[in-house]
C-alpha atoms as a PDB file:
ATOM      1  CA  MET A   1     138.522  20.807 110.265  1.00  0.00           C
ATOM      2  CA  THR A   2     137.632  20.454 114.135  1.00  0.00           C
ATOM      3  CA  ARG A   3     140.078  22.001 116.590  1.00  0.00           C
ATOM      4  CA  ALA A   4     140.648  18.448 118.035  1.00  0.00           C
ATOM      5  CA  SER A   5     141.484  16.844 114.535  1.00  0.00           C
ATOM      6  CA  HIS A   6     143.793  19.945 113.797  1.00  0.00           C
ATOM      7  CA  THR A   7     145.532  19.331 117.080  1.00  0.00           C
ATOM      8  CA  ARG A   8     146.017  15.591 116.222  1.00  0.00           C
ATOM      9  CA  ARG A   9     147.196  16.588 112.913  1.00  0.00           C
ATOM     10  CA  LEU A  10     149.892  18.797 114.388  1.00  0.00           C
ATOM     11  CA  SER A  11     150.650  16.082 116.746  1.00  0.00           C
ATOM     12  CA  THR A  12     151.295  13.443 113.711  1.00  0.00           C
ATOM     13  CA  THR A  13     153.406  15.950 111.835  1.00  0.00           C
ATOM     14  CA  ALA A  14     155.375  16.736 114.955  1.00  0.00           C
ATOM     15  CA  ALA A  15     156.013  13.043 115.779  1.00  0.00           C
ATOM     16  CA  ALA A  16     156.990  12.063 112.411  1.00  0.00           C
ATOM     17  CA  LEU A  17     159.624  14.961 112.307  1.00  0.00           C
ATOM     18  CA  ALA A  18     160.785  14.191 115.529  1.00  0.00           C
ATOM     19  CA  ALA A  19     161.368  10.430 114.487  1.00  0.00           C
ATOM     20  CA  MET A  20     163.307  11.420 111.414  1.00  0.00           C
ATOM     21  CA  ILE A  21     165.442  13.666 113.433  1.00  0.00           C
ATOM     22  CA  PHE A  22     166.071  11.560 116.535  1.00  0.00           C
ATOM     23  CA  LEU A  23     165.528   8.181 114.384  1.00  0.00           C
ATOM     24  CA  ALA A  24     162.868   7.223 116.947  1.00  0.00           C
ATOM     25  CA  ALA A  25     161.673   3.582 116.687  1.00  0.00           C
ATOM     26  CA  CYS A  26     158.141   3.849 116.177  1.00  0.00           C
ATOM     27  CA  SER A  27     155.068   6.082 116.477  1.00  0.00           C
ATOM     28  CA  SER A  28     153.277   5.391 119.809  1.00  0.00           C
ATOM     29  CA  GLU A  29     150.805   7.976 119.355  1.00  0.00           C
ATOM     30  CA  ASP A  30     147.348   7.552 117.565  1.00  0.00           C
ATOM     31  CA  PRO A  31     147.545  10.425 115.047  1.00  0.00           C
ATOM     32  CA  SER A  32     144.638  11.372 112.679  1.00  0.00           C
ATOM     33  CA  THR A  33     144.657  10.459 109.162  1.00  0.00           C
ATOM     34  CA  THR A  34     146.413  12.882 106.859  1.00  0.00           C
ATOM     35  CA  SER A  35     146.513  13.661 103.167  1.00  0.00           C
ATOM     36  CA  GLY A  36     148.802  15.723 100.881  1.00  0.00           C
ATOM     37  CA  GLY A  37     149.645  16.230  97.111  1.00  0.00           C
ATOM     38  CA  SER A  38     153.265  15.379  96.849  1.00  0.00           C
ATOM     39  CA  ASP A  39     155.157  11.991  96.327  1.00  0.00           C
ATOM     40  CA  THR A  40     157.226  12.910  99.589  1.00  0.00           C
ATOM     41  CA  GLY A  41     160.465  11.160  98.894  1.00  0.00           C
ATOM     42  CA  LEU A  42     159.145   8.235  96.917  1.00  0.00           C
ATOM     43  CA  SER A  43     160.586   9.274  93.528  1.00  0.00           C
ATOM     44  CA  ALA A  44     163.989   9.044  94.957  1.00  0.00           C
ATOM     45  CA  SER A  45     163.233   5.556  95.973  1.00  0.00           C
ATOM     46  CA  GLY A  46     161.584   4.486  92.675  1.00  0.00           C
ATOM     47  CA  LEU A  47     158.220   4.106  94.516  1.00  0.00           C
ATOM     48  CA  GLU A  48     156.129   7.035  93.205  1.00  0.00           C
ATOM     49  CA  ASP A  49     153.778   4.803  91.207  1.00  0.00           C
ATOM     50  CA  ALA A  50     153.445   2.140  94.056  1.00  0.00           C
ATOM     51  CA  SER A  51     149.905   1.139  95.317  1.00  0.00           C
ATOM     52  CA  GLY A  52     149.612   1.140  99.280  1.00  0.00           C
ATOM     53  CA  ARG A  53     150.188  -2.560  99.261  1.00  0.00           C
ATOM     54  CA  GLU A  54     153.188  -2.484  97.304  1.00  0.00           C
ATOM     55  CA  LEU A  55     154.652   0.366  99.159  1.00  0.00           C
ATOM     56  CA  VAL A  56     154.240  -1.355 102.230  1.00  0.00           C
ATOM     57  CA  GLU A  57     155.754  -4.607 101.279  1.00  0.00           C
ATOM     58  CA  GLU A  58     158.593  -3.084  99.538  1.00  0.00           C
ATOM     59  CA  LEU A  59     159.522  -0.680 102.571  1.00  0.00           C
ATOM     60  CA  GLU A  60     158.990  -3.293 105.291  1.00  0.00           C
ATOM     61  CA  SER A  61     161.476  -5.765 103.505  1.00  0.00           C
ATOM     62  CA  LEU A  62     164.391  -3.311 102.957  1.00  0.00           C
ATOM     63  CA  PRO A  63     167.653  -4.091 104.839  1.00  0.00           C
ATOM     64  CA  LEU A  64     168.108  -1.728 107.512  1.00  0.00           C
ATOM     65  CA  ASP A  65     171.004  -0.045 105.790  1.00  0.00           C
ATOM     66  CA  GLU A  66     169.084   0.497 102.741  1.00  0.00           C
ATOM     67  CA  ARG A  67     165.989   2.240 104.529  1.00  0.00           C
ATOM     68  CA  PRO A  68     165.272   5.902 103.125  1.00  0.00           C
ATOM     69  CA  THR A  69     166.404   8.598 105.401  1.00  0.00           C
ATOM     70  CA  ASP A  70     164.621  11.745 103.593  1.00  0.00           C
ATOM     71  CA  PHE A  71     161.120  10.615 104.698  1.00  0.00           C
ATOM     72  CA  VAL A  72     159.100   8.617 107.228  1.00  0.00           C
ATOM     73  CA  ALA A  73     156.268   6.445 106.147  1.00  0.00           C
ATOM     74  CA  SER A  74     153.825   5.184 108.750  1.00  0.00           C
ATOM     75  CA  VAL A  75     151.076   2.707 108.164  1.00  0.00           C
ATOM     76  CA  GLU A  76     147.749   3.880 109.479  1.00  0.00           C
ATOM     77  CA  THR A  77     144.597   1.860 109.168  1.00  0.00           C
ATOM     78  CA  GLU A  78     143.412   3.061 105.793  1.00  0.00           C
ATOM     79  CA  GLU A  79     146.586   4.544 104.198  1.00  0.00           C
ATOM     80  CA  VAL A  80     150.376   5.053 104.220  1.00  0.00           C
ATOM     81  CA  VAL A  81     151.233   8.580 105.366  1.00  0.00           C
ATOM     82  CA  MET A  82     154.452   9.818 104.361  1.00  0.00           C
ATOM     83  CA  ILE A  83     156.107  13.211 105.723  1.00  0.00           C
ATOM     84  CA  ASP A  84     159.441  14.309 104.472  1.00  0.00           C
ATOM     85  CA  GLU A  85     162.226  16.214 106.108  1.00  0.00           C
ATOM     86  CA  ASP A  86     160.651  19.617 105.159  1.00  0.00           C
ATOM     87  CA  GLY A  87     157.344  18.448 106.430  1.00  0.00           C
ATOM     88  CA  ASN A  88     155.507  17.859 103.521  1.00  0.00           C
ATOM     89  CA  GLU A  89     152.890  15.174 103.542  1.00  0.00           C
ATOM     90  CA  SER A  90     151.519  12.828 101.228  1.00  0.00           C
ATOM     91  CA  SER A  91     149.356   9.498 101.440  1.00  0.00           C
ATOM     92  CA  VAL A  92     148.562   6.322  99.477  1.00  0.00           C
ATOM     93  CA  PRO A  93     145.644   4.562 100.043  1.00  0.00           C
ATOM     94  CA  LEU A  94     145.633   0.660 101.334  1.00  0.00           C
ATOM     95  CA  PRO A  95     143.169  -1.882 100.090  1.00  0.00           C
ATOM     96  CA  GLU A  96     139.603  -1.460 101.351  1.00  0.00           C
ATOM     97  CA  ASP A  97     139.160  -5.180 102.374  1.00  0.00           C
ATOM     98  CA  GLU A  98     142.598  -5.748 103.804  1.00  0.00           C
ATOM     99  CA  PHE A  99     144.260  -4.472 107.267  1.00  0.00           C
ATOM    100  CA  TYR A 100     147.998  -4.461 107.485  1.00  0.00           C
ATOM    101  CA  LEU A 101     149.460  -5.503 110.879  1.00  0.00           C
ATOM    102  CA  SER A 102     153.232  -5.466 111.467  1.00  0.00           C
ATOM    103  CA  VAL A 103     154.294  -7.642 114.322  1.00  0.00           C
ATOM    104  CA  ALA A 104     157.564  -7.643 116.113  1.00  0.00           C
ATOM    105  CA  PRO A 105     157.811 -10.551 118.764  1.00  0.00           C
ATOM    106  CA  TYR A 106     160.333 -10.343 121.253  1.00  0.00           C
ATOM    107  CA  VAL A 107     162.027 -12.426 124.127  1.00  0.00           C
ATOM    108  CA  ASP A 108     163.782  -9.546 126.264  1.00  0.00           C
ATOM    109  CA  GLN A 109     163.467  -5.970 124.785  1.00  0.00           C
ATOM    110  CA  THR A 110     160.380  -4.163 123.118  1.00  0.00           C
ATOM    111  CA  HIS A 111     159.266  -0.723 122.404  1.00  0.00           C
ATOM    112  CA  ASP A 112     155.860   0.912 122.412  1.00  0.00           C
ATOM    113  CA  CYS A 113     154.141   1.440 119.086  1.00  0.00           C
ATOM    114  CA  PHE A 114     150.759   2.203 117.650  1.00  0.00           C
ATOM    115  CA  PHE A 115     150.963   3.049 113.953  1.00  0.00           C
ATOM    116  CA  HIS A 116     154.031   1.011 112.456  1.00  0.00           C
ATOM    117  CA  SER A 117     156.825   3.127 110.758  1.00  0.00           C
ATOM    118  CA  LEU A 118     158.073   1.490 107.645  1.00  0.00           C
ATOM    119  CA  THR A 119     161.340   3.532 107.657  1.00  0.00           C
ATOM    120  CA  THR A 120     162.054   3.664 111.536  1.00  0.00           C
ATOM    121  CA  CYS A 121     160.678   0.898 113.505  1.00  0.00           C
ATOM    122  CA  VAL A 122     163.065  -1.766 114.505  1.00  0.00           C
ATOM    123  CA  GLY A 123     162.352  -4.967 116.664  1.00  0.00           C
ATOM    124  CA  GLU A 124     164.425  -7.448 118.492  1.00  0.00           C
ATOM    125  CA  MET A 125     164.190 -10.576 116.322  1.00  0.00           C
ATOM    126  CA  GLY A 126     165.641  -9.904 112.721  1.00  0.00           C
ATOM    127  CA  ASN A 127     165.772 -12.592 110.230  1.00  0.00           C
ATOM    128  CA  GLU A 128     164.099 -15.327 112.377  1.00  0.00           C
ATOM    129  CA  GLU A 129     161.807 -17.983 111.247  1.00  0.00           C
ATOM    130  CA  LEU A 130     158.580 -18.404 113.097  1.00  0.00           C
ATOM    131  CA  GLU A 131     155.332 -20.460 113.218  1.00  0.00           C
ATOM    132  CA  VAL A 132     152.401 -18.007 113.068  1.00  0.00           C
ATOM    133  CA  THR A 133     148.582 -18.577 113.241  1.00  0.00           C
ATOM    134  CA  VAL A 134     145.793 -16.222 113.370  1.00  0.00           C
ATOM    135  CA  VAL A 135     142.216 -17.492 114.523  1.00  0.00           C
ATOM    136  CA  ASP A 136     139.091 -15.428 114.195  1.00  0.00           C
ATOM    137  CA  GLU A 137     137.438 -15.277 117.600  1.00  0.00           C
ATOM    138  CA  ASP A 138     134.041 -15.422 116.350  1.00  0.00           C
ATOM    139  CA  THR A 139     134.295 -18.331 113.990  1.00  0.00           C
ATOM    140  CA  GLY A 140     137.215 -20.273 114.899  1.00  0.00           C
ATOM    141  CA  GLU A 141     138.325 -19.971 111.533  1.00  0.00           C
ATOM    142  CA  ALA A 142     142.145 -19.862 110.817  1.00  0.00           C
ATOM    143  CA  LEU A 143     142.770 -16.648 108.954  1.00  0.00           C
ATOM    144  CA  PHE A 144     146.538 -17.277 108.744  1.00  0.00           C
ATOM    145  CA  ASP A 145     148.660 -20.227 109.485  1.00  0.00           C
ATOM    146  CA  GLU A 146     152.205 -20.294 108.035  1.00  0.00           C
ATOM    147  CA  THR A 147     155.892 -20.314 108.594  1.00  0.00           C
ATOM    148  CA  VAL A 148     157.252 -16.658 108.405  1.00  0.00           C
ATOM    149  CA  GLN A 149     160.594 -14.992 108.497  1.00  0.00           C
ATOM    150  CA  THR A 150     160.985 -11.713 110.146  1.00  0.00           C
ATOM    151  CA  HIS A 151     162.414  -9.012 107.972  1.00  0.00           C
ATOM    152  CA  ASP A 152     165.721  -7.246 108.958  1.00  0.00           C
ATOM    153  CA  ASN A 153     163.783  -4.875 111.057  1.00  0.00           C
ATOM    154  CA  GLY A 154     162.506  -7.562 113.239  1.00  0.00           C
ATOM    155  CA  PHE A 155     158.988  -7.315 112.099  1.00  0.00           C
ATOM    156  CA  PHE A 156     156.640  -9.619 109.810  1.00  0.00           C
ATOM    157  CA  GLY A 157     153.424  -8.343 108.116  1.00  0.00           C
ATOM    158  CA  LEU A 158     149.886  -9.688 108.178  1.00  0.00           C
ATOM    159  CA  TRP A 159     147.316  -8.892 105.659  1.00  0.00           C
ATOM    160  CA  LEU A 160     144.196  -9.652 107.327  1.00  0.00           C
ATOM    161  CA  PRO A 161     140.379  -9.204 106.783  1.00  0.00           C
ATOM    162  CA  ARG A 162     139.226  -5.826 108.141  1.00  0.00           C
ATOM    163  CA  ASP A 163     136.913  -5.600 111.200  1.00  0.00           C
ATOM    164  CA  VAL A 164     137.841  -8.927 112.902  1.00  0.00           C
ATOM    165  CA  ASP A 165     138.812  -9.861 116.370  1.00  0.00           C
ATOM    166  CA  ALA A 166     141.255 -12.755 116.481  1.00  0.00           C
ATOM    167  CA  GLU A 167     143.908 -14.457 118.465  1.00  0.00           C
ATOM    168  CA  LEU A 168     147.595 -14.394 117.144  1.00  0.00           C
ATOM    169  CA  THR A 169     149.941 -17.257 118.381  1.00  0.00           C
ATOM    170  CA  ILE A 170     153.747 -17.166 117.385  1.00  0.00           C
ATOM    171  CA  GLU A 171     155.952 -19.933 118.165  1.00  0.00           C
ATOM    172  CA  HIS A 172     159.964 -20.022 118.117  1.00  0.00           C
ATOM    173  CA  ASP A 173     162.338 -22.447 119.391  1.00  0.00           C
ATOM    174  CA  GLY A 174     160.046 -23.756 121.759  1.00  0.00           C
ATOM    175  CA  LEU A 175     158.733 -20.418 122.877  1.00  0.00           C
ATOM    176  CA  THR A 176     155.241 -19.172 122.520  1.00  0.00           C
ATOM    177  CA  SER A 177     153.215 -15.895 122.484  1.00  0.00           C
ATOM    178  CA  THR A 178     149.465 -15.738 122.269  1.00  0.00           C
ATOM    179  CA  VAL A 179     147.749 -12.197 121.910  1.00  0.00           C
ATOM    180  CA  PRO A 180     144.336 -10.727 120.832  1.00  0.00           C
ATOM    181  CA  ILE A 181     144.357  -8.507 118.002  1.00  0.00           C
ATOM    182  CA  SER A 182     141.739  -6.357 116.097  1.00  0.00           C
ATOM    183  CA  THR A 183     141.707  -5.160 112.655  1.00  0.00           C
ATOM    184  CA  GLY A 184     138.849  -2.314 112.876  1.00  0.00           C
ATOM    185  CA  GLU A 185     139.166   1.270 111.977  1.00  0.00           C
ATOM    186  CA  GLY A 186     141.547   3.006 114.593  1.00  0.00           C
ATOM    187  CA  ASP A 187     143.141  -0.264 115.765  1.00  0.00           C
ATOM    188  CA  PRO A 188     146.930  -0.481 115.885  1.00  0.00           C
ATOM    189  CA  THR A 189     148.809  -1.544 112.746  1.00  0.00           C
ATOM    190  CA  CYS A 190     152.067  -2.340 115.016  1.00  0.00           C
ATOM    191  CA  LEU A 191     152.080  -4.930 117.496  1.00  0.00           C
ATOM    192  CA  THR A 192     155.144  -4.949 119.771  1.00  0.00           C
ATOM    193  CA  THR A 193     153.638  -6.671 122.921  1.00  0.00           C
ATOM    194  CA  SER A 194     154.051 -10.295 121.721  1.00  0.00           C
ATOM    195  CA  GLN A 195     156.513 -11.627 124.146  1.00  0.00           C
ATOM    196  CA  LEU A 196     157.859 -15.221 123.519  1.00  0.00           C
ATOM    197  CA  THR A 197     158.025 -17.277 126.950  1.00  0.00           C
END
């Protein structure tokens, strides 16, 4: 492990632990990927055998008052990384051909975020219906065009092809937001800059 990656790994652990202690909303840093051997907090949640996609969808959809508090789960580009309150780490791989982007549109208030925290992130617009389209910038193909509802945490999730540049448009009650997105290695999995105006 290089000195730089070791430093990033320490930063990841410190950021996640700080998030658990202080209930911070999201991780705004770009930490390195990590791995570990335990099922960090998943047994108690009944998720120890879940795939990466199942883990993301289950934790994302939990009501706020049912979120686990004994570990933090962060969606990185290729895996979900979990750190428990003792600092133990584990990870579950995500699908090789799909990129998960969690989006929290807002009107008045937002927060910085880079890798989405499934256990601590909270957006402004919980349980709201939105019209969402994602268009590939190179081909003009609609990668997603559906009505979605944000979860209790104010986010909705998109499973998109990897390595594309696209344009995301959200409409709600006459308000609209259009922002560029990318799904490459190292791109953010958390989007909190989509302001509806």
